[in-house]
C-alpha atoms as a PDB file:
ATOM      1  CA  UNK A   1     146.607 113.497  98.211  1.00  0.00           C
ATOM      2  CA  UNK A   2     144.535 116.091  99.573  1.00  0.00           C
ATOM      3  CA  UNK A   3     142.897 119.142  98.165  1.00  0.00           C
ATOM      4  CA  UNK A   4     141.659 121.343 100.978  1.00  0.00           C
ATOM      5  CA  UNK A   5     139.884 124.320 100.705  1.00  0.00           C
ATOM      6  CA  UNK A   6     139.627 127.439 101.950  1.00  0.00           C
ATOM      7  CA  UNK A   7     137.117 129.123 103.729  1.00  0.00           C
ATOM      8  CA  UNK A   8     135.184 132.051 100.995  1.00  0.00           C
ATOM      9  CA  UNK A   9     132.936 133.176 102.991  1.00  0.00           C
ATOM     10  CA  UNK A  10     135.769 134.518 105.679  1.00  0.00           C
ATOM     11  CA  UNK A  11     137.647 136.451 102.811  1.00  0.00           C
ATOM     12  CA  UNK A  12     137.157 139.810 102.049  1.00  0.00           C
ATOM     13  CA  UNK A  13     135.287 141.314  98.710  1.00  0.00           C
ATOM     14  CA  UNK A  14     139.444 141.915  97.253  1.00  0.00           C
ATOM     15  CA  UNK A  15     140.562 138.090  98.900  1.00  0.00           C
ATOM     16  CA  UNK A  16     138.190 136.125  97.244  1.00  0.00           C
ATOM     17  CA  UNK A  17     138.225 137.530  93.800  1.00  0.00           C
ATOM     18  CA  UNK A  18     142.042 137.069  93.947  1.00  0.00           C
ATOM     19  CA  UNK A  19     141.640 133.655  95.550  1.00  0.00           C
ATOM     20  CA  UNK A  20     138.939 132.356  92.194  1.00  0.00           C
ATOM     21  CA  UNK A  21     141.733 133.782  90.843  1.00  0.00           C
ATOM     22  CA  UNK A  22     144.547 131.905  92.099  1.00  0.00           C
ATOM     23  CA  UNK A  23     142.442 128.767  90.873  1.00  0.00           C
ATOM     24  CA  UNK A  24     142.019 129.377  87.803  1.00  0.00           C
ATOM     25  CA  UNK A  25     145.613 129.640  86.903  1.00  0.00           C
ATOM     26  CA  UNK A  26     147.254 126.630  89.082  1.00  0.00           C
ATOM     27  CA  UNK A  27     143.950 124.553  87.573  1.00  0.00           C
ATOM     28  CA  UNK A  28     145.130 126.488  83.777  1.00  0.00           C
ATOM     29  CA  UNK A  29     148.993 125.374  84.548  1.00  0.00           C
ATOM     30  CA  UNK A  30     148.248 121.759  86.253  1.00  0.00           C
ATOM     31  CA  UNK A  31     144.991 119.869  85.123  1.00  0.00           C
ATOM     32  CA  UNK A  32     144.502 119.075  81.728  1.00  0.00           C
ATOM     33  CA  UNK A  33     141.296 116.459  82.365  1.00  0.00           C
ATOM     34  CA  UNK A  34     138.218 116.767  79.781  1.00  0.00           C
ATOM     35  CA  UNK A  35     135.830 115.427  82.232  1.00  0.00           C
ATOM     36  CA  UNK A  36     135.962 118.268  85.367  1.00  0.00           C
ATOM     37  CA  UNK A  37     135.193 120.829  81.823  1.00  0.00           C
ATOM     38  CA  UNK A  38     132.199 121.979  83.098  1.00  0.00           C
ATOM     39  CA  UNK A  39     132.428 122.247  86.164  1.00  0.00           C
ATOM     40  CA  UNK A  40     135.436 124.226  85.184  1.00  0.00           C
ATOM     41  CA  UNK A  41     133.776 126.409  82.840  1.00  0.00           C
ATOM     42  CA  UNK A  42     131.290 127.071  85.482  1.00  0.00           C
ATOM     43  CA  UNK A  43     133.603 128.275  88.136  1.00  0.00           C
ATOM     44  CA  UNK A  44     134.898 130.748  85.334  1.00  0.00           C
ATOM     45  CA  UNK A  45     131.589 132.396  84.606  1.00  0.00           C
ATOM     46  CA  UNK A  46     130.879 132.440  87.553  1.00  0.00           C
ATOM     47  CA  UNK A  47     133.969 134.602  88.917  1.00  0.00           C
ATOM     48  CA  UNK A  48     133.684 136.510  86.190  1.00  0.00           C
ATOM     49  CA  UNK A  49     130.257 137.840  87.337  1.00  0.00           C
ATOM     50  CA  UNK A  50     132.008 138.749  90.072  1.00  0.00           C
ATOM     51  CA  UNK A  51     134.811 140.758  88.946  1.00  0.00           C
ATOM     52  CA  UNK A  52     131.814 142.872  87.105  1.00  0.00           C
ATOM     53  CA  UNK A  53     129.787 142.893  89.571  1.00  0.00           C
ATOM     54  CA  UNK A  54     133.351 144.404  92.165  1.00  0.00           C
ATOM     55  CA  UNK A  55     133.698 146.841  89.365  1.00  0.00           C
ATOM     56  CA  UNK A  56     130.867 148.514  89.718  1.00  0.00           C
ATOM     57  CA  UNK A  57     131.299 149.248  93.391  1.00  0.00           C
ATOM     58  CA  UNK A  58     134.873 150.999  91.365  1.00  0.00           C
ATOM     59  CA  UNK A  59     134.697 154.665  90.752  1.00  0.00           C
ATOM     60  CA  UNK A  60     134.614 154.210  87.332  1.00  0.00           C
ATOM     61  CA  UNK A  61     137.565 155.389  86.320  1.00  0.00           C
ATOM     62  CA  UNK A  62     136.544 157.897  83.334  1.00  0.00           C
ATOM     63  CA  UNK A  63     134.343 159.755  85.731  1.00  0.00           C
ATOM     64  CA  UNK A  64     137.677 161.892  86.400  1.00  0.00           C
ATOM     65  CA  UNK A  65     138.999 163.141  82.540  1.00  0.00           C
ATOM     66  CA  UNK A  66     135.569 163.785  81.743  1.00  0.00           C
ATOM     67  CA  UNK A  67     134.777 166.124  84.750  1.00  0.00           C
ATOM     68  CA  UNK A  68     138.378 168.617  83.563  1.00  0.00           C
ATOM     69  CA  UNK A  69     137.250 168.154  79.966  1.00  0.00           C
ATOM     70  CA  UNK A  70     133.618 168.696  81.549  1.00  0.00           C
ATOM     71  CA  UNK A  71     135.152 172.156  82.325  1.00  0.00           C
ATOM     72  CA  UNK A  72     137.390 172.752  79.189  1.00  0.00           C
ATOM     73  CA  UNK A  73     134.409 172.818  77.468  1.00  0.00           C
ATOM     74  CA  UNK A  74     133.164 175.322  78.916  1.00  0.00           C
ATOM     75  CA  UNK A  75     135.596 177.664  78.751  1.00  0.00           C
ATOM     76  CA  UNK A  76     135.758 177.072  75.152  1.00  0.00           C
ATOM     77  CA  UNK A  77     132.521 179.097  75.060  1.00  0.00           C
ATOM     78  CA  UNK A  78     132.766 181.803  77.236  1.00  0.00           C
ATOM     79  CA  UNK A  79     136.105 181.968  75.124  1.00  0.00           C
ATOM     80  CA  UNK A  80     134.143 182.246  72.131  1.00  0.00           C
ATOM     81  CA  UNK A  81     130.730 183.936  73.402  1.00  0.00           C
ATOM     82  CA  UNK A  82     132.571 186.757  74.776  1.00  0.00           C
ATOM     83  CA  UNK A  83     134.825 187.103  71.364  1.00  0.00           C
ATOM     84  CA  UNK A  84     131.209 187.619  70.178  1.00  0.00           C
ATOM     85  CA  UNK A  85     129.820 189.620  71.932  1.00  0.00           C
ATOM     86  CA  UNK A  86     132.406 192.290  72.057  1.00  0.00           C
ATOM     87  CA  UNK A  87     132.225 192.578  68.261  1.00  0.00           C
ATOM     88  CA  UNK A  88     129.128 194.119  69.138  1.00  0.00           C
ATOM     89  CA  UNK A  89     130.797 197.010  70.498  1.00  0.00           C
ATOM     90  CA  UNK A  90     132.892 197.164  67.640  1.00  0.00           C
ATOM     91  CA  UNK A  91     133.555 201.210  65.688  1.00  0.00           C
ATOM     92  CA  UNK A  92     132.391 199.169  62.337  1.00  0.00           C
ATOM     93  CA  UNK A  93     128.743 198.617  62.049  1.00  0.00           C
ATOM     94  CA  UNK A  94     129.155 195.572  59.455  1.00  0.00           C
ATOM     95  CA  UNK A  95     130.754 193.575  62.388  1.00  0.00           C
ATOM     96  CA  UNK A  96     128.477 194.678  65.513  1.00  0.00           C
ATOM     97  CA  UNK A  97     125.818 193.240  63.336  1.00  0.00           C
ATOM     98  CA  UNK A  98     127.062 190.522  63.099  1.00  0.00           C
ATOM     99  CA  UNK A  99     127.989 189.577  66.681  1.00  0.00           C
ATOM    100  CA  UNK A 100     124.348 190.985  67.062  1.00  0.00           C
ATOM    101  CA  UNK A 101     122.950 188.047  65.272  1.00  0.00           C
ATOM    102  CA  UNK A 102     125.918 185.634  66.594  1.00  0.00           C
ATOM    103  CA  UNK A 103     124.789 186.454  70.264  1.00  0.00           C
ATOM    104  CA  UNK A 104     120.505 185.941  70.028  1.00  0.00           C
ATOM    105  CA  UNK A 105     121.844 181.856  69.149  1.00  0.00           C
ATOM    106  CA  UNK A 106     124.660 181.729  71.555  1.00  0.00           C
ATOM    107  CA  UNK A 107     121.736 182.947  74.147  1.00  0.00           C
ATOM    108  CA  UNK A 108     119.643 180.241  72.495  1.00  0.00           C
ATOM    109  CA  UNK A 109     121.573 177.039  74.151  1.00  0.00           C
ATOM    110  CA  UNK A 110     123.610 179.282  76.590  1.00  0.00           C
ATOM    111  CA  UNK A 111     122.325 177.709  79.384  1.00  0.00           C
ATOM    112  CA  UNK A 112     122.300 173.979  78.050  1.00  0.00           C
ATOM    113  CA  UNK A 113     125.490 174.920  77.921  1.00  0.00           C
ATOM    114  CA  UNK A 114     126.823 175.859  80.872  1.00  0.00           C
ATOM    115  CA  UNK A 115     124.335 174.217  83.465  1.00  0.00           C
ATOM    116  CA  UNK A 116     123.043 171.017  81.176  1.00  0.00           C
ATOM    117  CA  UNK A 117     124.245 167.944  82.514  1.00  0.00           C
ATOM    118  CA  UNK A 118     126.931 166.365  80.501  1.00  0.00           C
ATOM    119  CA  UNK A 119     125.144 164.523  77.617  1.00  0.00           C
ATOM    120  CA  UNK A 120     122.592 167.894  77.475  1.00  0.00           C
ATOM    121  CA  UNK A 121     125.545 170.178  77.490  1.00  0.00           C
ATOM    122  CA  UNK A 122     127.615 168.104  74.685  1.00  0.00           C
ATOM    123  CA  UNK A 123     124.180 168.318  72.681  1.00  0.00           C
ATOM    124  CA  UNK A 124     124.231 172.444  73.375  1.00  0.00           C
ATOM    125  CA  UNK A 125     127.218 172.646  71.904  1.00  0.00           C
ATOM    126  CA  UNK A 126     126.932 170.095  69.161  1.00  0.00           C
ATOM    127  CA  UNK A 127     124.055 172.138  68.120  1.00  0.00           C
ATOM    128  CA  UNK A 128     125.290 175.639  68.469  1.00  0.00           C
ATOM    129  CA  UNK A 129     127.784 174.949  65.596  1.00  0.00           C
ATOM    130  CA  UNK A 130     126.157 172.708  63.533  1.00  0.00           C
ATOM    131  CA  UNK A 131     123.996 176.363  63.548  1.00  0.00           C
ATOM    132  CA  UNK A 132     126.570 178.559  63.135  1.00  0.00           C
ATOM    133  CA  UNK A 133     128.319 177.178  60.159  1.00  0.00           C
ATOM    134  CA  UNK A 134     124.982 177.637  57.492  1.00  0.00           C
ATOM    135  CA  UNK A 135     125.127 179.903  55.407  1.00  0.00           C
ATOM    136  CA  UNK A 136     123.333 181.858  57.800  1.00  0.00           C
ATOM    137  CA  UNK A 137     126.022 182.243  59.888  1.00  0.00           C
ATOM    138  CA  UNK A 138     129.085 181.801  57.933  1.00  0.00           C
ATOM    139  CA  UNK A 139     129.735 186.138  57.501  1.00  0.00           C
ATOM    140  CA  UNK A 140     128.544 187.052  60.704  1.00  0.00           C
ATOM    141  CA  UNK A 141     131.506 184.360  61.293  1.00  0.00           C
ATOM    142  CA  UNK A 142     133.744 185.136  59.748  1.00  0.00           C
ATOM    143  CA  UNK A 143     133.210 189.159  59.785  1.00  0.00           C
ATOM    144  CA  UNK A 144     133.592 187.955  63.990  1.00  0.00           C
ATOM    145  CA  UNK A 145     136.823 186.967  63.597  1.00  0.00           C
ATOM    146  CA  UNK A 146     135.643 183.573  65.622  1.00  0.00           C
ATOM    147  CA  UNK A 147     136.137 180.739  63.158  1.00  0.00           C
ATOM    148  CA  UNK A 148     139.395 179.445  65.425  1.00  0.00           C
ATOM    149  CA  UNK A 149     137.423 179.385  68.837  1.00  0.00           C
ATOM    150  CA  UNK A 150     134.297 177.448  67.068  1.00  0.00           C
ATOM    151  CA  UNK A 151     136.938 174.910  65.386  1.00  0.00           C
ATOM    152  CA  UNK A 152     138.604 174.691  68.838  1.00  0.00           C
ATOM    153  CA  UNK A 153     135.150 174.297  70.695  1.00  0.00           C
ATOM    154  CA  UNK A 154     134.051 172.088  68.416  1.00  0.00           C
ATOM    155  CA  UNK A 155     136.923 169.824  68.977  1.00  0.00           C
ATOM    156  CA  UNK A 156     137.075 169.498  72.450  1.00  0.00           C
ATOM    157  CA  UNK A 157     133.295 169.135  72.745  1.00  0.00           C
ATOM    158  CA  UNK A 158     133.711 166.112  70.555  1.00  0.00           C
ATOM    159  CA  UNK A 159     136.235 164.557  72.632  1.00  0.00           C
ATOM    160  CA  UNK A 160     133.539 164.837  75.837  1.00  0.00           C
ATOM    161  CA  UNK A 161     131.326 163.272  72.838  1.00  0.00           C
ATOM    162  CA  UNK A 162     133.062 160.057  72.490  1.00  0.00           C
ATOM    163  CA  UNK A 163     134.413 160.206  76.370  1.00  0.00           C
ATOM    164  CA  UNK A 164     130.376 159.933  77.215  1.00  0.00           C
ATOM    165  CA  UNK A 165     130.461 157.797  75.260  1.00  0.00           C
ATOM    166  CA  UNK A 166     133.117 154.880  75.970  1.00  0.00           C
ATOM    167  CA  UNK A 167     131.863 155.222  79.639  1.00  0.00           C
ATOM    168  CA  UNK A 168     127.871 153.986  78.597  1.00  0.00           C
ATOM    169  CA  UNK A 169     129.607 151.822  76.733  1.00  0.00           C
ATOM    170  CA  UNK A 170     131.237 150.877  79.960  1.00  0.00           C
ATOM    171  CA  UNK A 171     128.254 150.704  82.506  1.00  0.00           C
ATOM    172  CA  UNK A 172     126.543 148.659  79.961  1.00  0.00           C
ATOM    173  CA  UNK A 173     128.224 145.876  80.190  1.00  0.00           C
ATOM    174  CA  UNK A 174     127.813 145.784  84.231  1.00  0.00           C
ATOM    175  CA  UNK A 175     124.909 143.936  84.770  1.00  0.00           C
ATOM    176  CA  UNK A 176     122.320 144.131  88.433  1.00  0.00           C
ATOM    177  CA  UNK A 177     124.632 141.304  89.872  1.00  0.00           C
ATOM    178  CA  UNK A 178     125.478 142.051  93.392  1.00  0.00           C
ATOM    179  CA  UNK A 179     128.674 141.081  94.326  1.00  0.00           C
ATOM    180  CA  UNK A 180     126.777 139.318  97.369  1.00  0.00           C
ATOM    181  CA  UNK A 181     124.245 137.291  94.678  1.00  0.00           C
ATOM    182  CA  UNK A 182     128.349 136.500  92.414  1.00  0.00           C
ATOM    183  CA  UNK A 183     130.084 135.393  95.723  1.00  0.00           C
ATOM    184  CA  UNK A 184     127.807 132.558  97.126  1.00  0.00           C
ATOM    185  CA  UNK A 185     128.035 131.737  93.361  1.00  0.00           C
ATOM    186  CA  UNK A 186     131.838 131.191  93.172  1.00  0.00           C
ATOM    187  CA  UNK A 187     131.453 130.423  96.528  1.00  0.00           C
ATOM    188  CA  UNK A 188     129.340 126.946  94.674  1.00  0.00           C
ATOM    189  CA  UNK A 189     131.266 126.539  91.646  1.00  0.00           C
ATOM    190  CA  UNK A 190     134.503 125.996  93.465  1.00  0.00           C
ATOM    191  CA  UNK A 191     133.516 123.541  95.695  1.00  0.00           C
ATOM    192  CA  UNK A 192     131.661 121.700  93.237  1.00  0.00           C
ATOM    193  CA  UNK A 193     134.831 121.933  91.299  1.00  0.00           C
ATOM    194  CA  UNK A 194     137.214 120.546  94.276  1.00  0.00           C
ATOM    195  CA  UNK A 195     134.741 118.076  94.681  1.00  0.00           C
ATOM    196  CA  UNK A 196     134.908 116.608  91.983  1.00  0.00           C
ATOM    197  CA  UNK A 197     138.958 116.538  91.846  1.00  0.00           C
ATOM    198  CA  UNK A 198     139.157 114.854  94.822  1.00  0.00           C
ATOM    199  CA  UNK A 199     136.812 112.583  93.795  1.00  0.00           C
ATOM    200  CA  UNK A 200     138.636 112.035  91.203  1.00  0.00           C
ATOM    201  CA  UNK A 201     141.792 111.771  92.994  1.00  0.00           C
ATOM    202  CA  UNK A 202     140.253 109.147  95.622  1.00  0.00           C
ATOM    203  CA  UNK A 203     138.273 106.547  93.224  1.00  0.00           C
ATOM    204  CA  UNK A 204     141.204 106.559  90.373  1.00  0.00           C
ATOM    205  CA  UNK A 205     143.390 106.125  92.715  1.00  0.00           C
ATOM    206  CA  UNK A 206     145.696 108.982  89.865  1.00  0.00           C
ATOM    207  CA  UNK A 207     148.496 111.190  91.259  1.00  0.00           C
ATOM    208  CA  UNK A 208     147.842 112.698  88.547  1.00  0.00           C
ATOM    209  CA  UNK A 209     146.349 115.807  90.199  1.00  0.00           C
ATOM    210  CA  UNK A 210     149.279 115.903  92.902  1.00  0.00           C
ATOM    211  CA  UNK A 211     151.105 119.338  91.221  1.00  0.00           C
ATOM    212  CA  UNK A 212     147.687 121.364  91.627  1.00  0.00           C
ATOM    213  CA  UNK A 213     147.610 119.886  94.509  1.00  0.00           C
ATOM    214  CA  UNK A 214     150.892 121.088  96.077  1.00  0.00           C
ATOM    215  CA  UNK A 215     150.734 124.425  94.234  1.00  0.00           C
ATOM    216  CA  UNK A 216     146.787 124.464  95.516  1.00  0.00           C
ATOM    217  CA  UNK A 217     147.528 123.589  98.975  1.00  0.00           C
ATOM    218  CA  UNK A 218     150.222 126.078  99.528  1.00  0.00           C
ATOM    219  CA  UNK A 219     147.752 128.921  98.461  1.00  0.00           C
ATOM    220  CA  UNK A 220     144.743 128.089 100.235  1.00  0.00           C
ATOM    221  CA  UNK A 221     146.710 127.636 103.592  1.00  0.00           C
ATOM    222  CA  UNK A 222     147.879 131.027 102.606  1.00  0.00           C
ATOM    223  CA  UNK A 223     144.494 132.508 103.097  1.00  0.00           C
ATOM    224  CA  UNK A 224     143.407 130.113 105.931  1.00  0.00           C
ATOM    225  CA  UNK A 225     146.316 131.641 107.976  1.00  0.00           C
ATOM    226  CA  UNK A 226     145.336 135.279 106.957  1.00  0.00           C
ATOM    227  CA  UNK A 227     141.745 134.691 107.760  1.00  0.00           C
ATOM    228  CA  UNK A 228     142.938 133.332 111.072  1.00  0.00           C
ATOM    229  CA  UNK A 229     145.133 136.148 111.800  1.00  0.00           C
ATOM    230  CA  UNK A 230     142.618 138.809 111.579  1.00  0.00           C
ATOM    231  CA  UNK A 231     139.943 136.699 113.463  1.00  0.00           C
ATOM    232  CA  UNK A 232     142.085 136.582 115.934  1.00  0.00           C
ATOM    233  CA  UNK A 233     143.000 140.372 115.871  1.00  0.00           C
ATOM    234  CA  UNK A 234     138.898 140.743 116.238  1.00  0.00           C
ATOM    235  CA  UNK A 235     138.733 137.807 118.772  1.00  0.00           C
ATOM    236  CA  UNK A 236     141.543 140.649 120.731  1.00  0.00           C
ATOM    237  CA  UNK A 237     139.105 143.557 119.833  1.00  0.00           C
ATOM    238  CA  UNK A 238     135.922 141.807 121.710  1.00  0.00           C
ATOM    239  CA  UNK A 239     137.825 141.357 124.763  1.00  0.00           C
ATOM    240  CA  UNK A 240     139.651 145.079 125.100  1.00  0.00           C
ATOM    241  CA  UNK A 241     136.077 146.518 124.796  1.00  0.00           C
ATOM    242  CA  UNK A 242     137.212 147.961 121.044  1.00  0.00           C
ATOM    243  CA  UNK A 243     135.493 147.635 118.517  1.00  0.00           C
ATOM    244  CA  UNK A 244     137.600 145.810 115.265  1.00  0.00           C
ATOM    245  CA  UNK A 245     137.562 147.647 112.103  1.00  0.00           C
ATOM    246  CA  UNK A 246     137.884 145.397 109.258  1.00  0.00           C
ATOM    247  CA  UNK A 247     138.481 146.969 105.296  1.00  0.00           C
ATOM    248  CA  UNK A 248     136.396 144.840 102.870  1.00  0.00           C
END
């Protein structure tokens, strides 16, 4: 049986990677040959790099959650700040003096919390909490009755900080490889692997890979058909004077 190949260059990005996954899954299911291991390992490594490069082009799934928590941190800070500010007008001089002392330290960090970037905001909140938890301000916090607001700001900021750390870890795993470069590497590895399998079938006169070839050819035909249909639409569009828009 002849092992057919697909026109990899004509596949859209998502199709290209999905086809590579189909190749891997069928190979894992029906091919058991150490002789192809080097070529197979190269192919898998290349498709993994392609996956990483594709992920780089996608919106980080944490972006929306981080943006929501950013607003929550600001909201908690404003609540904390407003209650301290209100205590400055209390009839009790002891409480008003405590409010005056606290507002000074809070104003030190206010701009960083409300106008800083994510990391700057989280750091400013952390430093504010650490300062106001010292013995110097502990009694003032109690007098102004804002311990709950202080604790809640700390809690939401810790949650925010953990998400920022997770996002940075995800970004660190993304290499500078581009989709185009990784696609070309996957193509080379794919054709190399298929050439080795085809050579084994031809020269060893074996039918050991027939099941793999059967299912692989059926899969390849589906992708080739998609390409033909798309190319037909593009030609039709050009004849009609229309530009066909293709989703990548």
